Amino acid sequence: GFTDADWAGSIDDRKSTGSYLVFFGQTPISWKSGKQR
């Protein structure tokens, strides 16, 4: 998998957006992107 976050990316409340992407072999099977709590 791969994980990443922008830091304080929301100009409204300075929360970051976090994401992950998971591969099974060569195929991505799960991903998510959302504002952190």
PDB file of all heavy atoms in Angstrom:
ATOM      1  N   GLY A   1       0.803  -1.205   0.000  1.00  0.00           N
ATOM      2  CA  GLY A   1       0.000   0.000   0.000  1.00  0.00           C
ATOM      3  C   GLY A   1       0.836   1.254   0.000  1.00  0.00           C
ATOM      4  O   GLY A   1       2.049   1.231   0.207  1.00  0.00           O
ATOM      5  N   PHE A   2       0.140   2.358  -0.220  1.00  0.00           N
ATOM      6  CA  PHE A   2       0.733   3.687  -0.208  1.00  0.00           C
ATOM      7  C   PHE A   2      -0.138   4.560   0.684  1.00  0.00           C
ATOM      8  O   PHE A   2      -1.367   4.466   0.632  1.00  0.00           O
ATOM      9  CB  PHE A   2       0.755   4.276  -1.617  1.00  0.00           C
ATOM     10  CG  PHE A   2       1.598   3.505  -2.591  1.00  0.00           C
ATOM     11  CD1 PHE A   2       1.086   2.403  -3.255  1.00  0.00           C
ATOM     12  CD2 PHE A   2       2.908   3.886  -2.847  1.00  0.00           C
ATOM     13  CE1 PHE A   2       1.851   1.691  -4.155  1.00  0.00           C
ATOM     14  CE2 PHE A   2       3.688   3.171  -3.736  1.00  0.00           C
ATOM     15  CZ  PHE A   2       3.157   2.076  -4.400  1.00  0.00           C
ATOM     16  N   THR A   3       0.484   5.394   1.514  1.00  0.00           N
ATOM     17  CA  THR A   3      -0.282   6.330   2.335  1.00  0.00           C
ATOM     18  C   THR A   3       0.299   7.722   2.169  1.00  0.00           C
ATOM     19  O   THR A   3       1.496   7.891   1.937  1.00  0.00           O
ATOM     20  CB  THR A   3      -0.246   5.956   3.832  1.00  0.00           C
ATOM     21  OG1 THR A   3       1.094   6.072   4.321  1.00  0.00           O
ATOM     22  CG2 THR A   3      -0.771   4.549   4.059  1.00  0.00           C
ATOM     23  N   ASP A   4      -0.579   8.713   2.281  1.00  0.00           N
ATOM     24  CA  ASP A   4      -0.128  10.090   2.144  1.00  0.00           C
ATOM     25  C   ASP A   4      -1.109  11.024   2.829  1.00  0.00           C
ATOM     26  O   ASP A   4      -2.259  10.655   3.076  1.00  0.00           O
ATOM     27  CB  ASP A   4       0.005  10.468   0.669  1.00  0.00           C
ATOM     28  CG  ASP A   4       0.757  11.768   0.476  1.00  0.00           C
ATOM     29  OD1 ASP A   4       1.750  12.000   1.191  1.00  0.00           O
ATOM     30  OD2 ASP A   4       0.346  12.578  -0.359  1.00  0.00           O
ATOM     31  N   ALA A   5      -0.651  12.222   3.107  1.00  0.00           N
ATOM     32  CA  ALA A   5      -1.507  13.271   3.649  1.00  0.00           C
ATOM     33  C   ALA A   5      -0.998  14.606   3.159  1.00  0.00           C
ATOM     34  O   ALA A   5       0.209  14.804   2.996  1.00  0.00           O
ATOM     35  CB  ALA A   5      -1.506  13.239   5.174  1.00  0.00           C
ATOM     36  N   ASP A   6      -1.931  15.511   2.886  1.00  0.00           N
ATOM     37  CA  ASP A   6      -1.508  16.895   2.724  1.00  0.00           C
ATOM     38  C   ASP A   6      -1.532  17.470   4.136  1.00  0.00           C
ATOM     39  O   ASP A   6      -2.252  16.985   5.001  1.00  0.00           O
ATOM     40  CB  ASP A   6      -2.423  17.665   1.771  1.00  0.00           C
ATOM     41  CG  ASP A   6      -3.794  17.942   2.346  1.00  0.00           C
ATOM     42  OD1 ASP A   6      -4.177  17.306   3.349  1.00  0.00           O
ATOM     43  OD2 ASP A   6      -4.502  18.784   1.795  1.00  0.00           O
ATOM     44  N   TRP A   7      -0.758  18.438   4.407  1.00  0.00           N
ATOM     45  CA  TRP A   7      -0.704  18.959   5.768  1.00  0.00           C
ATOM     46  C   TRP A   7      -1.490  20.254   5.832  1.00  0.00           C
ATOM     47  O   TRP A   7      -1.196  21.199   5.099  1.00  0.00           O
ATOM     48  CB  TRP A   7       0.743  19.175   6.199  1.00  0.00           C
ATOM     49  CG  TRP A   7       0.870  19.778   7.558  1.00  0.00           C
ATOM     50  CD1 TRP A   7       0.324  19.320   8.714  1.00  0.00           C
ATOM     51  CD2 TRP A   7       1.582  20.961   7.895  1.00  0.00           C
ATOM     52  NE1 TRP A   7       0.648  20.139   9.749  1.00  0.00           N
ATOM     53  CE2 TRP A   7       1.429  21.162   9.271  1.00  0.00           C
ATOM     54  CE3 TRP A   7       2.338  21.868   7.176  1.00  0.00           C
ATOM     55  CZ2 TRP A   7       2.004  22.233   9.944  1.00  0.00           C
ATOM     56  CZ3 TRP A   7       2.910  22.920   7.841  1.00  0.00           C
ATOM     57  CH2 TRP A   7       2.752  23.094   9.209  1.00  0.00           C
ATOM     58  N   ALA A   8      -2.517  20.269   6.683  1.00  0.00           N
ATOM     59  CA  ALA A   8      -3.349  21.451   6.905  1.00  0.00           C
ATOM     60  C   ALA A   8      -3.900  21.988   5.587  1.00  0.00           C
ATOM     61  O   ALA A   8      -3.975  23.194   5.369  1.00  0.00           O
ATOM     62  CB  ALA A   8      -2.567  22.524   7.655  1.00  0.00           C
ATOM     63  N   GLY A   9      -4.305  21.089   4.716  1.00  0.00           N
ATOM     64  CA  GLY A   9      -4.723  21.473   3.377  1.00  0.00           C
ATOM     65  C   GLY A   9      -6.051  22.199   3.289  1.00  0.00           C
ATOM     66  O   GLY A   9      -6.299  22.929   2.336  1.00  0.00           O
ATOM     67  N   SER A  10      -6.927  22.008   4.265  1.00  0.00           N
ATOM     68  CA  SER A  10      -8.225  22.679   4.226  1.00  0.00           C
ATOM     69  C   SER A  10      -8.067  24.122   4.688  1.00  0.00           C
ATOM     70  O   SER A  10      -7.641  24.377   5.825  1.00  0.00           O
ATOM     71  CB  SER A  10      -9.230  21.957   5.125  1.00  0.00           C
ATOM     72  OG  SER A  10     -10.423  22.716   5.217  1.00  0.00           O
ATOM     73  N   ILE A  11      -8.417  25.053   3.832  1.00  0.00           N
ATOM     74  CA  ILE A  11      -8.283  26.465   4.222  1.00  0.00           C
ATOM     75  C   ILE A  11      -9.361  26.884   5.208  1.00  0.00           C
ATOM     76  O   ILE A  11      -9.225  27.896   5.881  1.00  0.00           O
ATOM     77  CB  ILE A  11      -8.283  27.395   2.989  1.00  0.00           C
ATOM     78  CG1 ILE A  11      -9.570  27.220   2.193  1.00  0.00           C
ATOM     79  CG2 ILE A  11      -7.062  27.157   2.137  1.00  0.00           C
ATOM     80  CD1 ILE A  11      -9.730  28.234   1.067  1.00  0.00           C
ATOM     81  N   ASP A  12     -10.417  26.074   5.330  1.00  0.00           N
ATOM     82  CA  ASP A  12     -11.495  26.420   6.252  1.00  0.00           C
ATOM     83  C   ASP A  12     -11.168  26.085   7.696  1.00  0.00           C
ATOM     84  O   ASP A  12     -11.420  26.875   8.598  1.00  0.00           O
ATOM     85  CB  ASP A  12     -12.791  25.709   5.847  1.00  0.00           C
ATOM     86  CG  ASP A  12     -13.293  26.163   4.492  1.00  0.00           C
ATOM     87  OD1 ASP A  12     -13.093  27.352   4.155  1.00  0.00           O
ATOM     88  OD2 ASP A  12     -13.863  25.336   3.765  1.00  0.00           O
ATOM     89  N   ASP A  13     -10.613  24.891   7.939  1.00  0.00           N
ATOM     90  CA  ASP A  13     -10.356  24.481   9.323  1.00  0.00           C
ATOM     91  C   ASP A  13      -8.943  23.936   9.544  1.00  0.00           C
ATOM     92  O   ASP A  13      -8.620  23.462  10.617  1.00  0.00           O
ATOM     93  CB  ASP A  13     -11.384  23.449   9.776  1.00  0.00           C
ATOM     94  CG  ASP A  13     -11.403  22.205   8.902  1.00  0.00           C
ATOM     95  OD1 ASP A  13     -10.500  22.038   8.056  1.00  0.00           O
ATOM     96  OD2 ASP A  13     -12.335  21.392   9.064  1.00  0.00           O
ATOM     97  N   ARG A  14      -8.105  23.972   8.518  1.00  0.00           N
ATOM     98  CA  ARG A  14      -6.711  23.521   8.579  1.00  0.00           C
ATOM     99  C   ARG A  14      -6.563  22.047   8.931  1.00  0.00           C
ATOM    100  O   ARG A  14      -5.512  21.616   9.404  1.00  0.00           O
ATOM    101  CB  ARG A  14      -5.878  24.378   9.537  1.00  0.00           C
ATOM    102  CG  ARG A  14      -5.586  25.736   8.989  1.00  0.00           C
ATOM    103  CD  ARG A  14      -4.870  25.606   7.681  1.00  0.00           C
ATOM    104  NE  ARG A  14      -4.644  26.897   7.056  1.00  0.00           N
ATOM    105  CZ  ARG A  14      -4.348  27.044   5.778  1.00  0.00           C
ATOM    106  NH1 ARG A  14      -4.261  25.994   4.992  1.00  0.00           N
ATOM    107  NH2 ARG A  14      -4.141  28.214   5.267  1.00  0.00           N
ATOM    108  N   LYS A  15      -7.599  21.245   8.671  1.00  0.00           N
ATOM    109  CA  LYS A  15      -7.447  19.804   8.807  1.00  0.00           C
ATOM    110  C   LYS A  15      -6.777  19.268   7.552  1.00  0.00           C
ATOM    111  O   LYS A  15      -6.884  19.850   6.474  1.00  0.00           O
ATOM    112  CB  LYS A  15      -8.806  19.137   9.018  1.00  0.00           C
ATOM    113  CG  LYS A  15      -9.395  19.447  10.385  1.00  0.00           C
ATOM    114  CD  LYS A  15     -10.688  18.739  10.608  1.00  0.00           C
ATOM    115  CE  LYS A  15     -11.230  19.068  11.990  1.00  0.00           C
ATOM    116  NZ  LYS A  15     -12.576  18.500  12.180  1.00  0.00           N
ATOM    117  N   SER A  16      -6.092  18.159   7.707  1.00  0.00           N
ATOM    118  CA  SER A  16      -5.374  17.541   6.598  1.00  0.00           C
ATOM    119  C   SER A  16      -6.258  16.512   5.910  1.00  0.00           C
ATOM    120  O   SER A  16      -7.184  15.971   6.510  1.00  0.00           O
ATOM    121  CB  SER A  16      -4.106  16.855   7.119  1.00  0.00           C
ATOM    122  OG  SER A  16      -3.301  17.764   7.826  1.00  0.00           O
ATOM    123  N   THR A  17      -5.945  16.229   4.665  1.00  0.00           N
ATOM    124  CA  THR A  17      -6.597  15.152   3.939  1.00  0.00           C
ATOM    125  C   THR A  17      -5.631  13.976   3.920  1.00  0.00           C
ATOM    126  O   THR A  17      -4.484  14.120   3.509  1.00  0.00           O
ATOM    127  CB  THR A  17      -6.936  15.576   2.497  1.00  0.00           C
ATOM    128  OG1 THR A  17      -7.833  16.677   2.549  1.00  0.00           O
ATOM    129  CG2 THR A  17      -7.570  14.431   1.726  1.00  0.00           C
ATOM    130  N   GLY A  18      -6.101  12.845   4.380  1.00  0.00           N
ATOM    131  CA  GLY A  18      -5.291  11.638   4.389  1.00  0.00           C
ATOM    132  C   GLY A  18      -5.810  10.652   3.355  1.00  0.00           C
ATOM    133  O   GLY A  18      -6.997  10.661   3.014  1.00  0.00           O
ATOM    134  N   SER A  19      -4.924   9.822   2.849  1.00  0.00           N
ATOM    135  CA  SER A  19      -5.355   8.826   1.872  1.00  0.00           C
ATOM    136  C   SER A  19      -4.500   7.578   1.977  1.00  0.00           C
ATOM    137  O   SER A  19      -3.392   7.607   2.491  1.00  0.00           O
ATOM    138  CB  SER A  19      -5.275   9.383   0.450  1.00  0.00           C
ATOM    139  OG  SER A  19      -3.934   9.560   0.061  1.00  0.00           O
ATOM    140  N   TYR A  20      -5.090   6.483   1.493  1.00  0.00           N
ATOM    141  CA  TYR A  20      -4.328   5.258   1.312  1.00  0.00           C
ATOM    142  C   TYR A  20      -4.795   4.587   0.045  1.00  0.00           C
ATOM    143  O   TYR A  20      -5.888   4.845  -0.463  1.00  0.00           O
ATOM    144  CB  TYR A  20      -4.438   4.313   2.518  1.00  0.00           C
ATOM    145  CG  TYR A  20      -5.823   3.814   2.836  1.00  0.00           C
ATOM    146  CD1 TYR A  20      -6.439   2.808   2.089  1.00  0.00           C
ATOM    147  CD2 TYR A  20      -6.521   4.344   3.920  1.00  0.00           C
ATOM    148  CE1 TYR A  20      -7.705   2.353   2.398  1.00  0.00           C
ATOM    149  CE2 TYR A  20      -7.787   3.888   4.242  1.00  0.00           C
ATOM    150  CZ  TYR A  20      -8.374   2.893   3.472  1.00  0.00           C
ATOM    151  OH  TYR A  20      -9.635   2.451   3.787  1.00  0.00           O
ATOM    152  N   LEU A  21      -3.928   3.739  -0.474  1.00  0.00           N
ATOM    153  CA  LEU A  21      -4.190   2.979  -1.689  1.00  0.00           C
ATOM    154  C   LEU A  21      -3.542   1.611  -1.481  1.00  0.00           C
ATOM    155  O   LEU A  21      -2.358   1.535  -1.162  1.00  0.00           O
ATOM    156  CB  LEU A  21      -3.553   3.708  -2.874  1.00  0.00           C
ATOM    157  CG  LEU A  21      -3.463   3.003  -4.206  1.00  0.00           C
ATOM    158  CD1 LEU A  21      -4.857   2.743  -4.763  1.00  0.00           C
ATOM    159  CD2 LEU A  21      -2.671   3.860  -5.182  1.00  0.00           C
ATOM    160  N   VAL A  22      -4.320   0.539  -1.628  1.00  0.00           N
ATOM    161  CA  VAL A  22      -3.805  -0.809  -1.374  1.00  0.00           C
ATOM    162  C   VAL A  22      -3.895  -1.631  -2.653  1.00  0.00           C
ATOM    163  O   VAL A  22      -4.931  -1.648  -3.319  1.00  0.00           O
ATOM    164  CB  VAL A  22      -4.586  -1.513  -0.242  1.00  0.00           C
ATOM    165  CG1 VAL A  22      -3.994  -2.895   0.042  1.00  0.00           C
ATOM    166  CG2 VAL A  22      -4.590  -0.664   1.023  1.00  0.00           C
ATOM    167  N   PHE A  23      -2.805  -2.294  -2.970  1.00  0.00           N
ATOM    168  CA  PHE A  23      -2.721  -3.169  -4.140  1.00  0.00           C
ATOM    169  C   PHE A  23      -2.688  -4.623  -3.690  1.00  0.00           C
ATOM    170  O   PHE A  23      -2.075  -4.949  -2.673  1.00  0.00           O
ATOM    171  CB  PHE A  23      -1.429  -2.912  -4.916  1.00  0.00           C
ATOM    172  CG  PHE A  23      -1.439  -1.686  -5.769  1.00  0.00           C
ATOM    173  CD1 PHE A  23      -1.256  -0.426  -5.210  1.00  0.00           C
ATOM    174  CD2 PHE A  23      -1.606  -1.785  -7.140  1.00  0.00           C
ATOM    175  CE1 PHE A  23      -1.245   0.696  -6.002  1.00  0.00           C
ATOM    176  CE2 PHE A  23      -1.599  -0.659  -7.946  1.00  0.00           C
ATOM    177  CZ  PHE A  23      -1.421   0.584  -7.371  1.00  0.00           C
ATOM    178  N   PHE A  24      -3.311  -5.479  -4.478  1.00  0.00           N
ATOM    179  CA  PHE A  24      -3.169  -6.922  -4.360  1.00  0.00           C
ATOM    180  C   PHE A  24      -2.452  -7.346  -5.625  1.00  0.00           C
ATOM    181  O   PHE A  24      -3.033  -7.336  -6.710  1.00  0.00           O
ATOM    182  CB  PHE A  24      -4.541  -7.600  -4.242  1.00  0.00           C
ATOM    183  CG  PHE A  24      -4.476  -9.091  -4.122  1.00  0.00           C
ATOM    184  CD1 PHE A  24      -3.851  -9.693  -3.038  1.00  0.00           C
ATOM    185  CD2 PHE A  24      -5.050  -9.903  -5.082  1.00  0.00           C
ATOM    186  CE1 PHE A  24      -3.802 -11.068  -2.921  1.00  0.00           C
ATOM    187  CE2 PHE A  24      -5.008 -11.287  -4.969  1.00  0.00           C
ATOM    188  CZ  PHE A  24      -4.381 -11.864  -3.888  1.00  0.00           C
ATOM    189  N   GLY A  25      -1.172  -7.640  -5.486  1.00  0.00           N
ATOM    190  CA  GLY A  25      -0.348  -7.851  -6.678  1.00  0.00           C
ATOM    191  C   GLY A  25      -0.216  -6.525  -7.410  1.00  0.00           C
ATOM    192  O   GLY A  25       0.210  -5.534  -6.846  1.00  0.00           O
ATOM    193  N   GLN A  26      -0.632  -6.501  -8.678  1.00  0.00           N
ATOM    194  CA  GLN A  26      -0.530  -5.278  -9.495  1.00  0.00           C
ATOM    195  C   GLN A  26      -1.832  -4.494  -9.562  1.00  0.00           C
ATOM    196  O   GLN A  26      -1.896  -3.470 -10.205  1.00  0.00           O
ATOM    197  CB  GLN A  26      -0.114  -5.671 -10.910  1.00  0.00           C
ATOM    198  CG  GLN A  26       1.198  -6.404 -10.972  1.00  0.00           C
ATOM    199  CD  GLN A  26       2.260  -5.560 -11.629  1.00  0.00           C
ATOM    200  OE1 GLN A  26       1.983  -4.624 -12.321  1.00  0.00           O
ATOM    201  NE2 GLN A  26       3.504  -5.909 -11.388  1.00  0.00           N
ATOM    202  N   THR A  27      -2.875  -4.982  -8.888  1.00  0.00           N
ATOM    203  CA  THR A  27      -4.188  -4.377  -9.020  1.00  0.00           C
ATOM    204  C   THR A  27      -4.590  -3.633  -7.750  1.00  0.00           C
ATOM    205  O   THR A  27      -4.570  -4.205  -6.660  1.00  0.00           O
ATOM    206  CB  THR A  27      -5.244  -5.473  -9.312  1.00  0.00           C
ATOM    207  OG1 THR A  27      -4.853  -6.175 -10.495  1.00  0.00           O
ATOM    208  CG2 THR A  27      -6.610  -4.875  -9.519  1.00  0.00           C
ATOM    209  N   PRO A  28      -4.958  -2.351  -7.887  1.00  0.00           N
ATOM    210  CA  PRO A  28      -5.477  -1.641  -6.712  1.00  0.00           C
ATOM    211  C   PRO A  28      -6.834  -2.225  -6.307  1.00  0.00           C
ATOM    212  O   PRO A  28      -7.697  -2.428  -7.157  1.00  0.00           O
ATOM    213  CB  PRO A  28      -5.624  -0.189  -7.179  1.00  0.00           C
ATOM    214  CG  PRO A  28      -5.412  -0.182  -8.640  1.00  0.00           C
ATOM    215  CD  PRO A  28      -4.905  -1.508  -9.071  1.00  0.00           C
ATOM    216  N   ILE A  29      -6.986  -2.538  -5.021  1.00  0.00           N
ATOM    217  CA  ILE A  29      -8.243  -3.144  -4.567  1.00  0.00           C
ATOM    218  C   ILE A  29      -8.956  -2.316  -3.501  1.00  0.00           C
ATOM    219  O   ILE A  29     -10.121  -2.558  -3.218  1.00  0.00           O
ATOM    220  CB  ILE A  29      -8.028  -4.578  -4.041  1.00  0.00           C
ATOM    221  CG1 ILE A  29      -7.054  -4.603  -2.869  1.00  0.00           C
ATOM    222  CG2 ILE A  29      -7.580  -5.498  -5.160  1.00  0.00           C
ATOM    223  CD1 ILE A  29      -6.994  -5.932  -2.141  1.00  0.00           C
ATOM    224  N   SER A  30      -8.270  -1.352  -2.905  1.00  0.00           N
ATOM    225  CA  SER A  30      -8.903  -0.543  -1.876  1.00  0.00           C
ATOM    226  C   SER A  30      -8.227   0.819  -1.827  1.00  0.00           C
ATOM    227  O   SER A  30      -7.000   0.907  -1.898  1.00  0.00           O
ATOM    228  CB  SER A  30      -8.779  -1.243  -0.517  1.00  0.00           C
ATOM    229  OG  SER A  30      -9.409  -0.487   0.492  1.00  0.00           O
ATOM    230  N   TRP A  31      -9.026   1.863  -1.675  1.00  0.00           N
ATOM    231  CA  TRP A  31      -8.474   3.201  -1.574  1.00  0.00           C
ATOM    232  C   TRP A  31      -9.451   4.086  -0.830  1.00  0.00           C
ATOM    233  O   TRP A  31     -10.648   3.824  -0.776  1.00  0.00           O
ATOM    234  CB  TRP A  31      -8.161   3.790  -2.950  1.00  0.00           C
ATOM    235  CG  TRP A  31      -9.332   3.801  -3.890  1.00  0.00           C
ATOM    236  CD1 TRP A  31     -10.259   4.778  -4.049  1.00  0.00           C
ATOM    237  CD2 TRP A  31      -9.689   2.762  -4.795  1.00  0.00           C
ATOM    238  NE1 TRP A  31     -11.179   4.411  -4.995  1.00  0.00           N
ATOM    239  CE2 TRP A  31     -10.848   3.176  -5.467  1.00  0.00           C
ATOM    240  CE3 TRP A  31      -9.141   1.506  -5.096  1.00  0.00           C
ATOM    241  CZ2 TRP A  31     -11.477   2.396  -6.428  1.00  0.00           C
ATOM    242  CZ3 TRP A  31      -9.771   0.731  -6.054  1.00  0.00           C
ATOM    243  CH2 TRP A  31     -10.919   1.185  -6.714  1.00  0.00           C
ATOM    244  N   LYS A  32      -8.917   5.138  -0.238  1.00  0.00           N
ATOM    245  CA  LYS A  32      -9.743   6.086   0.495  1.00  0.00           C
ATOM    246  C   LYS A  32      -9.018   7.409   0.568  1.00  0.00           C
ATOM    247  O   LYS A  32      -7.804   7.465   0.710  1.00  0.00           O
ATOM    248  CB  LYS A  32     -10.014   5.576   1.910  1.00  0.00           C
ATOM    249  CG  LYS A  32     -10.879   6.523   2.721  1.00  0.00           C
ATOM    250  CD  LYS A  32     -11.086   6.039   4.129  1.00  0.00           C
ATOM    251  CE  LYS A  32     -11.912   7.055   4.910  1.00  0.00           C
ATOM    252  NZ  LYS A  32     -12.053   6.677   6.304  1.00  0.00           N
ATOM    253  N   SER A  33      -9.783   8.456   0.495  1.00  0.00           N
ATOM    254  CA  SER A  33      -9.272   9.801   0.691  1.00  0.00           C
ATOM    255  C   SER A  33     -10.308  10.564   1.481  1.00  0.00           C
ATOM    256  O   SER A  33     -11.495  10.529   1.146  1.00  0.00           O
ATOM    257  CB  SER A  33      -9.028  10.481  -0.663  1.00  0.00           C
ATOM    258  OG  SER A  33      -8.589  11.806  -0.465  1.00  0.00           O
ATOM    259  N   GLY A  34      -9.886  11.223   2.546  1.00  0.00           N
ATOM    260  CA  GLY A  34     -10.849  11.982   3.341  1.00  0.00           C
ATOM    261  C   GLY A  34     -10.166  12.897   4.329  1.00  0.00           C
ATOM    262  O   GLY A  34      -8.995  12.718   4.681  1.00  0.00           O
ATOM    263  N   LYS A  35     -10.930  13.877   4.762  1.00  0.00           N
ATOM    264  CA  LYS A  35     -10.415  14.825   5.735  1.00  0.00           C
ATOM    265  C   LYS A  35     -10.235  14.122   7.070  1.00  0.00           C
ATOM    266  O   LYS A  35     -11.088  13.345   7.504  1.00  0.00           O
ATOM    267  CB  LYS A  35     -11.395  15.985   5.890  1.00  0.00           C
ATOM    268  CG  LYS A  35     -10.815  17.148   6.674  1.00  0.00           C
ATOM    269  CD  LYS A  35     -11.830  18.242   6.910  1.00  0.00           C
ATOM    270  CE  LYS A  35     -11.999  19.080   5.685  1.00  0.00           C
ATOM    271  NZ  LYS A  35     -12.798  20.298   5.983  1.00  0.00           N
ATOM    272  N   GLN A  36      -9.101  14.371   7.710  1.00  0.00           N
ATOM    273  CA  GLN A  36      -8.833  13.772   9.012  1.00  0.00           C
ATOM    274  C   GLN A  36      -9.688  14.440  10.083  1.00  0.00           C
ATOM    275  O   GLN A  36     -10.087  15.599   9.949  1.00  0.00           O
ATOM    276  CB  GLN A  36      -7.344  13.878   9.341  1.00  0.00           C
ATOM    277  CG  GLN A  36      -6.496  13.043   8.398  1.00  0.00           C
ATOM    278  CD  GLN A  36      -5.001  13.164   8.650  1.00  0.00           C
ATOM    279  OE1 GLN A  36      -4.529  14.067   9.336  1.00  0.00           O
ATOM    280  NE2 GLN A  36      -4.236  12.250   8.058  1.00  0.00           N
ATOM    281  N   ARG A  37      -9.983  13.703  11.154  1.00  0.00           N
ATOM    282  CA  ARG A  37     -10.907  14.190  12.179  1.00  0.00           C
ATOM    283  C   ARG A  37     -10.327  15.292  13.048  1.00  0.00           C
ATOM    284  O   ARG A  37     -11.071  16.089  13.614  1.00  0.00           O
ATOM    285  CB  ARG A  37     -11.355  13.028  13.062  1.00  0.00           C
ATOM    286  CG  ARG A  37     -12.268  12.051  12.340  1.00  0.00           C
ATOM    287  CD  ARG A  37     -12.752  10.944  13.263  1.00  0.00           C
ATOM    288  NE  ARG A  37     -11.686  10.087  13.747  1.00  0.00           N
ATOM    289  CZ  ARG A  37     -11.229   9.029  13.100  1.00  0.00           C
ATOM    290  NH1 ARG A  37     -11.736   8.690  11.945  1.00  0.00           N
ATOM    291  NH2 ARG A  37     -10.263   8.305  13.607  1.00  0.00           N
TER     292      ARG A  37
END
